[in-house]
């Protein structure tokens, strides 16, 4: 069985190419969980945009779509995070896909818990276990999805 050492596999190029992106994305997620991206703040931008796109929609429908958009953002945020971790663990550490995928999901869900705990301390936000479930769903979807590689014609 192959043994993996943790950081001895990280070259300077790999550090920036493979390991920095998920860490930067984690910072982005934390920024998005602050006051400036609360429902009240995003509503000032998204509701008028949705109203412009769907001029026939009622105010209640626009608010519902705003909520749905915010929840879909959870899926996307954590799908991106898990995909970045998967890439780092596969390319940067050379881990087998199954081990890298499980670790990518675990790291992403762990960060989702930290994110929701952080939101519970922000006056304009609330932490929610259901949001962690959405985040986990996005993370799992990212590691399960395997795009087909285009075949080369010679």
Foldseek 3Di string as FASTA:
>chain_A
DDDFDDCVLADPVLCVVQVVVLVVLLVVLLVCLAPCNFLVNVCVPQLVVVCVVPVPDDSVRSSVVSVVVVLVVLLVSLLVNLLSQLRSCCVRGVDPLVVSLVVSLVVSLVSLVVSLVVSCVHPRGHRDPVSSVSNSNSSNVNSVDDDDDDDDDD
